[in-house]
Amino acid sequence: MKLTRRRFLQATLAASVTARAASEPGLRIAPFRCDVTPPVGHPLCGGWIKPVVDHADALEAIGYVLLGAGQPIVVCAVDWEGIHNEAHLALRTALAEAAGTTPERVAVHCVHQHDAPMVCLRAQELCDAEGDNLQSVDRGFFGQCLDRGRAAVRAALPKARRVTHVAHGEGRVEKVASNRRVALGPDGKVRVMRGSSCRTPELIALPEGLIDPMLKTVAFYDGGEKIVACHYYATHPMSNYGGGHVSSDFPGLARKRRQQEEPGCTHLYFTGCAGNVAAGKYNPGTPEARVQLTQRIYDGIRAAEQSFVRTPIGRVVWKTHPIVPEINPVFTAANQRAMLVNKKNGPANRIRPAMVIALMERVARRVPIVLSALHLGDLALLHLPGECFVEYQLRAQQLGGSRFVATAAYGDGGVWYVPVKEEYPKGGYEVGVAFCAPGVDDLLTEGIRELLRT
């Protein structure tokens, strides 16, 4: 599917100008889910770790359709590493068609596990042109997943339940999240990244750094019955990975445990702004660590649910805000093309430049990244793109004032990492693969401010 400026603007500008409200009696919700587990041999993490050998557990796309607030609204969480550019629009369009709505009223987010697919269709086209079987995604498999998503939504709609109340709560998660950018040199620059796993005593001993320790949950009720629960927490969701063993990893396993306990309620998990946050301080990258991290996320979910404040659903508003960021000037078409065609480079150093080129082409066509927010009375569910730094999530909570704000990042992944502008001079891995220029901070912050303004 080709992105066009006209198509995107038609889809986004109308929703950014008008937001629809719903009256309580007509509001209904239709949860859906489908399997999106890649087959044996499929690339994982965009083609730069070992492909699928076997399946530790299944990957799912789980979401809900909200009916009765103007055109239907669709929100979906996918157990994949990332969905970028045209692929993101294709999935939003597929779900929109099945729900009877438009793509600008669909939010799709990845949980960002790494033993999972990463999809950028234009990047794969560029790789195919090199003629040496450089693969990041099987397009046939992706097409099958689009079909499964459509079918799941269509099957869910006749079973929609009324929504009378919404609940919110939060629970502190202990010994999971830690900032990756805490090892600074005397010049104030990042000396080494404390990654998703870490066995270096010096790095483990460093403080947690800036994180959001709270797991937030928002749930929809039909009378006294909980029917959908959405959980939000900001950390990279990897424990031990890279061996080709597909898994939803510790957040997915915690979600599945809660789902087994409450089969009548659909549970979703969203990764918040975790671009600079991971479990490295508490994760040596062992199978045992996955079990411990799963328990800690599960405990956070239960703590959030136990703190629930339940209120009548009230007013429902959907808002969107488009942005077109500038490309990070360290990337040029020439230097990225040179990396892509250099067959001496490993897959990561060829496929990633193809993804940079895909975003360059998109920005040249002025095709926007779409931010969105779902307002449920005094609650706001904020939807952001890529690997936003945790500062954006904390900033959104400040801008929300007294309102409860739950943030999902890892929407359209075409932008990759999204640091705040103060972090660019510090360098480090995340800045080195930030596809957007520092001005993205102002664009994103203004978008958040606008979306939270009601």
Protein backbone atom coordinates (compact mmCIF):
# COMPACT_ATOMS: atom_id res chain seq x y z
CA MET A 1 0.00 0.00 0.00
CA LYS A 2 1.45 3.36 -1.07
CA LEU A 3 1.20 6.32 1.26
CA THR A 4 0.08 9.57 -0.31
CA ARG A 5 -0.07 13.02 1.19
CA ARG A 6 -3.65 13.47 0.03
CA ARG A 7 -4.83 10.21 1.54
CA PHE A 8 -3.23 10.87 4.90
CA LEU A 9 -4.39 14.47 5.14
CA GLN A 10 -7.94 13.54 4.21
CA ALA A 11 -7.88 10.92 6.93
CA THR A 12 -6.28 13.00 9.66
CA LEU A 13 -7.20 16.64 9.31
CA ALA A 14 -10.94 16.13 9.70
CA ALA A 15 -10.46 14.29 12.97
CA SER A 16 -8.00 16.87 14.26
CA VAL A 17 -10.55 19.61 13.73
CA THR A 18 -13.63 17.91 15.15
CA ALA A 19 -13.94 15.49 18.03
CA ARG A 20 -17.17 13.65 18.60
CA ALA A 21 -18.91 13.14 21.92
CA ALA A 22 -21.12 10.21 22.82
CA SER A 23 -23.97 9.91 25.24
CA GLU A 24 -23.64 7.14 27.81
CA PRO A 25 -26.64 4.95 26.83
CA GLY A 26 -25.40 4.19 23.30
CA LEU A 27 -21.78 3.36 24.08
CA ARG A 28 -20.69 -0.23 23.37
CA ILE A 29 -17.37 -2.06 23.17
CA ALA A 30 -16.33 -5.07 21.08
CA PRO A 31 -13.02 -6.67 22.11
CA PHE A 32 -11.16 -8.75 19.52
CA ARG A 33 -7.97 -10.78 19.21
CA CYS A 34 -6.10 -12.77 16.59
CA ASP A 35 -2.90 -14.79 16.32
CA VAL A 36 0.07 -13.04 14.67
CA THR A 37 2.78 -15.60 15.46
CA PRO A 38 5.37 -15.77 12.64
CA PRO A 39 6.21 -19.16 11.09
CA VAL A 40 9.51 -20.98 11.46
CA GLY A 41 12.20 -19.24 9.43
CA HIS A 42 10.57 -15.80 9.49
CA PRO A 43 12.91 -12.87 10.30
CA LEU A 44 12.83 -11.46 13.83
CA CYS A 45 13.55 -7.88 14.90
CA GLY A 46 13.78 -6.73 11.29
CA GLY A 47 16.25 -9.40 10.24
CA TRP A 48 19.19 -8.73 12.52
CA ILE A 49 18.77 -11.46 15.10
CA LYS A 50 18.27 -15.17 14.59
CA PRO A 51 15.06 -15.99 12.67
CA VAL A 52 12.25 -18.11 14.09
CA VAL A 53 13.41 -21.52 15.32
CA ASP A 54 10.41 -22.35 17.48
CA HIS A 55 7.67 -20.76 19.59
CA ALA A 56 7.93 -20.34 23.35
CA ASP A 57 4.45 -18.80 23.34
CA ALA A 58 2.10 -17.22 20.84
CA LEU A 59 2.01 -13.60 19.68
CA GLU A 60 -1.35 -11.82 19.48
CA ALA A 61 -3.00 -8.67 18.22
CA ILE A 62 -5.57 -7.67 20.84
CA GLY A 63 -7.87 -4.67 20.67
CA TYR A 64 -11.31 -3.21 21.03
CA VAL A 65 -13.82 -1.33 18.91
CA LEU A 66 -15.67 1.46 20.69
CA LEU A 67 -19.13 2.09 19.20
CA GLY A 68 -21.50 4.97 19.84
CA ALA A 69 -18.96 7.84 19.90
CA GLY A 70 -19.45 8.98 16.32
CA GLN A 71 -17.70 6.73 13.83
CA PRO A 72 -16.22 3.62 15.50
CA ILE A 73 -12.88 3.93 17.32
CA VAL A 74 -10.37 1.06 17.22
CA VAL A 75 -7.43 0.61 19.61
CA CYS A 76 -5.08 -2.37 19.20
CA ALA A 77 -1.87 -3.70 20.81
CA VAL A 78 0.32 -6.09 18.79
CA ASP A 79 3.00 -8.43 20.16
CA TRP A 80 5.51 -7.29 17.50
CA GLU A 81 8.73 -5.29 17.61
CA GLY A 82 7.52 -2.54 15.30
CA ILE A 83 5.18 -1.59 12.44
CA HIS A 84 6.42 1.28 10.29
CA ASN A 85 5.13 3.73 7.71
CA GLU A 86 3.03 2.04 4.96
CA ALA A 87 2.67 -1.14 7.00
CA HIS A 88 1.22 0.82 9.92
CA LEU A 89 -1.28 2.52 7.64
CA ALA A 90 -2.13 -0.84 6.05
CA LEU A 91 -3.00 -2.40 9.40
CA ARG A 92 -4.94 0.65 10.54
CA THR A 93 -6.82 0.61 7.24
CA ALA A 94 -7.63 -3.10 7.49
CA LEU A 95 -9.04 -2.71 11.00
CA ALA A 96 -10.91 0.44 9.98
CA GLU A 97 -12.56 -1.27 7.01
CA ALA A 98 -13.72 -4.14 9.20
CA ALA A 99 -15.05 -1.81 11.90
CA GLY A 100 -16.78 0.58 9.47
CA THR A 101 -14.63 3.58 10.27
CA THR A 102 -11.64 5.48 8.89
CA PRO A 103 -7.90 4.94 9.55
CA GLU A 104 -7.52 8.17 11.52
CA ARG A 105 -9.84 6.66 14.14
CA VAL A 106 -7.61 3.62 14.61
CA ALA A 107 -4.59 3.46 16.97
CA VAL A 108 -2.21 0.51 16.57
CA HIS A 109 0.70 -0.01 18.96
CA CYS A 110 3.43 -2.61 19.26
CA VAL A 111 4.49 -4.01 22.62
CA HIS A 112 8.04 -4.08 21.16
CA GLN A 113 9.23 -7.56 22.08
CA HIS A 114 12.33 -8.41 20.01
CA ASP A 115 11.73 -12.12 19.38
CA ALA A 116 8.95 -10.86 17.11
CA PRO A 117 8.52 -9.31 13.63
CA MET A 118 9.39 -5.75 12.61
CA VAL A 119 7.60 -4.60 9.46
CA CYS A 120 8.53 -1.80 7.05
CA LEU A 121 7.21 -2.62 3.58
CA ARG A 122 9.14 0.10 1.74
CA ALA A 123 12.39 -0.97 3.40
CA GLN A 124 11.76 -4.52 2.21
CA GLU A 125 11.20 -3.24 -1.33
CA LEU A 126 14.57 -1.50 -1.18
CA CYS A 127 16.20 -4.67 0.12
CA ASP A 128 14.55 -6.79 -2.59
CA ALA A 129 16.07 -4.51 -5.23
CA GLU A 130 19.54 -5.58 -4.05
CA GLY A 131 18.83 -9.11 -5.22
CA ASP A 132 20.63 -11.00 -2.48
CA ASN A 133 17.73 -12.23 -0.29
CA LEU A 134 18.08 -9.51 2.33
CA GLN A 135 14.84 -10.06 4.23
CA SER A 136 13.23 -8.19 7.12
CA VAL A 137 9.63 -9.42 6.68
CA ASP A 138 7.64 -11.92 4.66
CA ARG A 139 4.99 -9.81 2.96
CA GLY A 140 2.75 -12.85 2.48
CA PHE A 141 2.71 -13.44 6.22
CA PHE A 142 1.96 -9.77 6.84
CA GLY A 143 -0.96 -9.98 4.41
CA GLN A 144 -2.30 -13.00 6.30
CA CYS A 145 -2.17 -11.00 9.53
CA LEU A 146 -4.16 -8.18 7.92
CA ASP A 147 -6.81 -10.73 6.94
CA ARG A 148 -6.86 -12.19 10.46
CA GLY A 149 -7.30 -8.72 11.93
CA ARG A 150 -10.23 -7.94 9.64
CA ALA A 151 -11.90 -11.25 10.46
CA ALA A 152 -11.41 -10.79 14.21
CA VAL A 153 -13.01 -7.34 14.18
CA ARG A 154 -15.94 -8.46 12.05
CA ALA A 155 -16.57 -11.43 14.34
CA ALA A 156 -16.44 -9.19 17.42
CA LEU A 157 -18.89 -6.51 16.35
CA PRO A 158 -22.12 -8.54 16.78
CA LYS A 159 -20.99 -9.39 20.33
CA ALA A 160 -20.44 -5.77 21.43
CA ARG A 161 -21.28 -5.05 25.05
CA ARG A 162 -22.65 -1.84 26.49
CA VAL A 163 -20.25 0.36 28.46
CA THR A 164 -21.64 2.00 31.56
CA HIS A 165 -18.55 2.71 33.67
CA VAL A 166 -14.81 3.18 33.34
CA ALA A 167 -12.23 2.52 36.07
CA HIS A 168 -8.66 3.67 36.49
CA GLY A 169 -5.85 2.81 38.87
CA GLU A 170 -2.09 2.53 39.16
CA GLY A 171 0.37 0.31 40.96
CA ARG A 172 4.10 0.68 41.57
CA VAL A 173 6.30 -1.84 39.79
CA GLU A 174 9.42 -2.76 41.72
CA LYS A 175 12.77 -3.77 40.19
CA VAL A 176 11.90 -3.77 36.49
CA ALA A 177 12.51 -0.40 34.81
CA SER A 178 15.86 1.39 34.76
CA ASN A 179 17.16 4.18 32.56
CA ARG A 180 19.61 3.04 29.89
CA ARG A 181 21.53 6.35 29.69
CA VAL A 182 22.98 6.72 33.19
CA ALA A 183 26.66 5.93 32.51
CA LEU A 184 27.93 9.41 31.67
CA GLY A 185 31.53 10.48 31.11
CA PRO A 186 33.18 13.63 32.52
CA ASP A 187 32.05 15.48 29.39
CA GLY A 188 28.40 14.72 30.19
CA LYS A 189 28.02 12.37 27.23
CA VAL A 190 26.72 8.82 27.40
CA ARG A 191 29.73 6.56 27.80
CA VAL A 192 27.97 3.20 27.46
CA MET A 193 24.35 2.07 27.31
CA ARG A 194 22.90 -0.10 30.08
CA GLY A 195 20.79 -2.24 27.80
CA SER A 196 17.79 -4.50 28.13
CA SER A 197 20.03 -6.99 29.91
CA CYS A 198 23.24 -6.30 31.78
CA ARG A 199 25.93 -8.32 33.58
CA THR A 200 28.44 -5.52 34.18
CA PRO A 201 28.63 -4.85 37.94
CA GLU A 202 29.57 -1.20 37.44
CA LEU A 203 26.45 -0.54 35.34
CA ILE A 204 24.16 -2.61 37.55
CA ALA A 205 25.29 -0.58 40.58
CA LEU A 206 24.28 2.73 38.98
CA PRO A 207 20.93 4.24 40.07
CA GLU A 208 17.68 3.42 38.27
CA GLY A 209 17.72 6.91 36.78
CA LEU A 210 14.65 8.61 35.33
CA ILE A 211 11.72 6.20 34.94
CA ASP A 212 7.98 6.14 35.49
CA PRO A 213 7.58 3.42 38.16
CA MET A 214 3.79 3.26 37.92
CA LEU A 215 1.80 0.75 35.90
CA LYS A 216 -1.53 2.29 34.93
CA THR A 217 -4.73 0.43 34.13
CA VAL A 218 -7.95 1.65 32.54
CA ALA A 219 -10.92 -0.74 32.40
CA PHE A 220 -14.36 -0.69 30.78
CA TYR A 221 -17.39 -2.05 32.66
CA ASP A 222 -20.89 -3.17 31.82
CA GLY A 223 -22.58 -2.51 35.13
CA GLY A 224 -20.53 -4.44 37.68
CA GLU A 225 -18.75 -6.63 35.10
CA LYS A 226 -15.27 -5.75 33.87
CA ILE A 227 -15.11 -6.50 30.14
CA VAL A 228 -11.86 -4.85 28.88
CA ALA A 229 -8.74 -3.89 30.86
CA CYS A 230 -5.84 -1.92 29.34
CA HIS A 231 -2.47 -1.94 31.14
CA TYR A 232 0.32 0.60 30.49
CA TYR A 233 3.95 0.47 31.66
CA ALA A 234 7.13 2.06 30.31
CA THR A 235 10.04 -0.31 29.80
CA HIS A 236 11.65 -2.19 26.94
CA PRO A 237 9.92 -5.60 27.18
CA MET A 238 12.90 -7.93 26.70
CA SER A 239 14.46 -10.41 29.12
CA ASN A 240 16.46 -13.14 27.35
CA TYR A 241 16.07 -13.03 23.58
CA GLY A 242 17.85 -13.49 20.26
CA GLY A 243 17.86 -17.29 20.06
CA GLY A 244 14.95 -17.56 17.62
CA HIS A 245 12.43 -18.58 20.31
CA VAL A 246 9.35 -16.46 19.63
CA SER A 247 7.81 -15.04 22.79
CA SER A 248 5.58 -12.27 24.06
CA ASP A 249 8.23 -11.98 26.81
CA PHE A 250 7.57 -10.87 30.37
CA PRO A 251 4.84 -8.26 29.77
CA GLY A 252 2.96 -10.63 27.49
CA LEU A 253 3.33 -13.52 29.90
CA ALA A 254 2.03 -11.36 32.77
CA ARG A 255 -0.92 -10.29 30.62
CA LYS A 256 -1.66 -13.90 29.68
CA ARG A 257 -1.59 -14.96 33.32
CA ARG A 258 -4.15 -12.28 34.19
CA GLN A 259 -6.21 -13.27 31.13
CA GLN A 260 -6.38 -16.88 32.34
CA GLU A 261 -7.64 -15.66 35.70
CA GLU A 262 -10.34 -13.49 34.08
CA PRO A 263 -11.46 -15.22 30.86
CA GLY A 264 -14.50 -12.97 30.64
CA CYS A 265 -12.40 -9.80 30.48
CA THR A 266 -10.08 -8.99 27.55
CA HIS A 267 -6.69 -7.79 28.80
CA LEU A 268 -4.38 -5.60 26.70
CA TYR A 269 -0.84 -4.43 27.46
CA PHE A 270 0.73 -1.26 26.03
CA THR A 271 4.37 -0.26 26.31
CA GLY A 272 4.69 3.38 27.30
CA CYS A 273 7.48 5.81 26.44
CA ALA A 274 10.41 3.43 26.95
CA GLY A 275 12.97 4.58 24.39
CA ASN A 276 15.53 5.17 27.15
CA VAL A 277 14.17 2.68 29.69
CA ALA A 278 14.79 -1.07 30.01
CA ALA A 279 15.16 -3.80 32.62
CA GLY A 280 18.97 -3.86 32.44
CA LYS A 281 19.65 -3.08 36.09
CA TYR A 282 17.53 -6.06 37.14
CA ASN A 283 17.94 -8.41 34.17
CA PRO A 284 21.03 -10.56 33.59
CA GLY A 285 19.36 -11.98 30.48
CA THR A 286 18.57 -15.42 31.87
CA PRO A 287 15.41 -17.56 31.67
CA GLU A 288 15.10 -17.20 35.44
CA ALA A 289 15.05 -13.40 35.07
CA ARG A 290 12.10 -13.66 32.68
CA VAL A 291 10.13 -15.49 35.37
CA GLN A 292 10.98 -12.83 37.96
CA LEU A 293 10.16 -9.91 35.66
CA THR A 294 6.87 -11.53 34.68
CA GLN A 295 5.89 -11.78 38.35
CA ARG A 296 6.77 -8.13 38.99
CA ILE A 297 4.66 -6.90 36.06
CA TYR A 298 1.81 -9.15 37.16
CA ASP A 299 2.07 -7.72 40.68
CA GLY A 300 1.89 -4.21 39.19
CA ILE A 301 -1.25 -5.13 37.25
CA ARG A 302 -2.92 -6.50 40.34
CA ALA A 303 -1.91 -3.46 42.40
CA ALA A 304 -3.36 -1.12 39.75
CA GLU A 305 -6.63 -3.05 39.65
CA GLN A 306 -6.89 -3.06 43.44
CA SER A 307 -6.68 0.75 43.43
CA PHE A 308 -9.52 1.17 40.91
CA VAL A 309 -11.72 4.22 41.03
CA ARG A 310 -14.88 3.46 39.03
CA THR A 311 -17.07 6.19 37.54
CA PRO A 312 -19.87 6.47 34.97
CA ILE A 313 -18.43 6.59 31.46
CA GLY A 314 -19.51 10.16 30.72
CA ARG A 315 -18.27 11.99 27.63
CA VAL A 316 -16.12 10.22 24.99
CA VAL A 317 -13.93 12.27 22.65
CA TRP A 318 -11.41 11.18 19.99
CA LYS A 319 -8.72 13.61 18.83
CA THR A 320 -5.86 13.37 16.35
CA HIS A 321 -2.85 15.56 15.62
CA PRO A 322 -0.54 15.10 12.58
CA ILE A 323 3.17 15.96 12.62
CA VAL A 324 5.85 15.87 9.90
CA PRO A 325 9.28 15.82 11.56
CA GLU A 326 12.57 16.71 9.91
CA ILE A 327 15.17 14.02 9.27
CA ASN A 328 18.20 13.90 11.54
CA PRO A 329 20.91 15.68 9.50
CA VAL A 330 23.45 12.92 10.21
CA PHE A 331 21.49 10.80 7.73
CA THR A 332 21.64 11.57 4.03
CA ALA A 333 20.26 9.66 1.09
CA ALA A 334 23.82 9.12 -0.13
CA ASN A 335 25.31 7.71 3.07
CA GLN A 336 22.30 5.49 3.75
CA ARG A 337 22.26 4.19 0.19
CA ALA A 338 25.97 3.39 0.43
CA MET A 339 25.36 1.33 3.57
CA LEU A 340 22.42 -0.51 2.01
CA VAL A 341 24.29 -1.60 -1.13
CA ASN A 342 27.50 -2.56 0.69
CA LYS A 343 27.26 -6.34 0.82
CA LYS A 344 30.13 -6.47 3.33
CA ASN A 345 27.80 -4.96 5.95
CA GLY A 346 25.79 -7.24 8.20
CA PRO A 347 21.97 -7.34 7.87
CA ALA A 348 21.38 -4.71 10.57
CA ASN A 349 23.67 -2.24 8.84
CA ARG A 350 21.86 -2.71 5.56
CA ILE A 351 18.22 -3.06 6.60
CA ARG A 352 18.28 -0.13 9.03
CA PRO A 353 19.52 2.29 6.30
CA ALA A 354 16.65 1.05 4.12
CA MET A 355 14.29 2.06 6.92
CA VAL A 356 15.91 5.50 7.12
CA ILE A 357 15.42 5.93 3.37
CA ALA A 358 11.77 4.88 3.73
CA LEU A 359 11.20 7.65 6.28
CA MET A 360 13.12 10.16 4.13
CA GLU A 361 10.80 9.41 1.21
CA ARG A 362 7.76 9.74 3.44
CA VAL A 363 8.87 13.08 4.85
CA ALA A 364 9.64 14.34 1.35
CA ARG A 365 6.00 13.62 0.45
CA ARG A 366 4.88 15.41 3.65
CA VAL A 367 2.98 12.32 4.82
CA PRO A 368 2.41 12.90 8.55
CA ILE A 369 2.82 10.76 11.63
CA VAL A 370 -0.56 10.73 13.39
CA LEU A 371 -0.83 11.18 17.17
CA SER A 372 -4.15 10.53 18.86
CA ALA A 373 -5.95 10.54 22.20
CA LEU A 374 -9.12 8.93 23.51
CA HIS A 375 -10.81 10.95 26.26
CA LEU A 376 -13.14 9.07 28.61
CA GLY A 377 -14.56 11.71 30.91
CA ASP A 378 -11.58 12.80 33.04
CA LEU A 379 -9.33 10.03 31.69
CA ALA A 380 -7.06 10.38 28.66
CA LEU A 381 -5.46 7.53 26.69
CA LEU A 382 -2.59 9.04 24.70
CA HIS A 383 -1.16 7.35 21.58
CA LEU A 384 2.38 8.27 20.47
CA PRO A 385 4.73 6.98 17.75
CA GLY A 386 8.05 5.16 17.88
CA GLU A 387 10.44 4.78 20.78
CA CYS A 388 9.68 7.98 22.65
CA PHE A 389 11.85 8.76 25.67
CA VAL A 390 10.15 8.50 29.06
CA GLU A 391 10.33 12.29 29.45
CA TYR A 392 7.42 12.60 27.00
CA GLN A 393 5.22 10.36 29.15
CA LEU A 394 6.05 12.31 32.31
CA ARG A 395 5.49 15.54 30.40
CA ALA A 396 2.07 14.35 29.26
CA GLN A 397 1.08 13.63 32.85
CA GLN A 398 2.06 17.17 33.80
CA LEU A 399 0.16 18.66 30.87
CA GLY A 400 -2.88 16.59 31.83
CA GLY A 401 -3.11 18.36 35.17
CA SER A 402 -5.48 16.56 37.50
CA ARG A 403 -6.61 14.13 34.80
CA PHE A 404 -5.45 10.50 34.69
CA VAL A 405 -3.25 10.08 31.59
CA ALA A 406 -2.16 6.65 30.33
CA THR A 407 0.37 6.72 27.49
CA ALA A 408 1.04 4.12 24.82
CA ALA A 409 4.10 4.63 22.60
CA TYR A 410 5.41 2.38 19.80
CA GLY A 411 2.65 3.40 17.41
CA ASP A 412 3.93 4.18 13.92
CA GLY A 413 7.54 3.02 14.25
CA GLY A 414 8.90 4.80 11.18
CA VAL A 415 10.59 7.45 13.34
CA TRP A 416 12.52 4.89 15.45
CA TYR A 417 13.93 6.50 18.63
CA VAL A 418 12.50 9.87 19.67
CA PRO A 419 14.78 11.52 22.27
CA VAL A 420 14.00 14.82 23.94
CA LYS A 421 16.14 17.59 22.51
CA GLU A 422 18.33 17.87 25.62
CA GLU A 423 19.58 14.32 25.05
CA TYR A 424 20.88 14.76 21.49
CA PRO A 425 24.18 16.41 22.57
CA LYS A 426 24.83 13.50 24.95
CA GLY A 427 25.10 11.02 22.10
CA GLY A 428 24.79 7.32 22.81
CA TYR A 429 23.05 4.51 20.94
CA GLU A 430 19.52 5.91 21.07
CA VAL A 431 20.57 9.28 19.63
CA GLY A 432 22.67 7.51 17.00
CA VAL A 433 19.57 5.76 15.64
CA ALA A 434 17.12 8.64 16.13
CA PHE A 435 15.86 9.19 12.59
CA CYS A 436 14.36 12.62 13.38
CA ALA A 437 16.12 15.93 14.05
CA PRO A 438 15.96 17.47 17.56
CA GLY A 439 13.04 19.65 16.46
CA VAL A 440 10.79 16.61 16.78
CA ASP A 441 10.67 17.40 20.51
CA ASP A 442 8.81 20.68 19.95
CA LEU A 443 6.45 19.08 17.41
CA LEU A 444 5.64 16.14 19.65
CA THR A 445 5.25 18.24 22.80
CA GLU A 446 2.90 20.65 21.06
CA GLY A 447 0.94 17.67 19.72
CA ILE A 448 0.62 16.20 23.21
CA ARG A 449 -0.48 19.56 24.58
CA GLU A 450 -3.12 19.91 21.87
CA LEU A 451 -4.42 16.37 22.27
CA LEU A 452 -4.82 16.78 26.02
CA ARG A 453 -6.63 20.09 25.63
CA THR A 454 -10.39 19.49 25.90
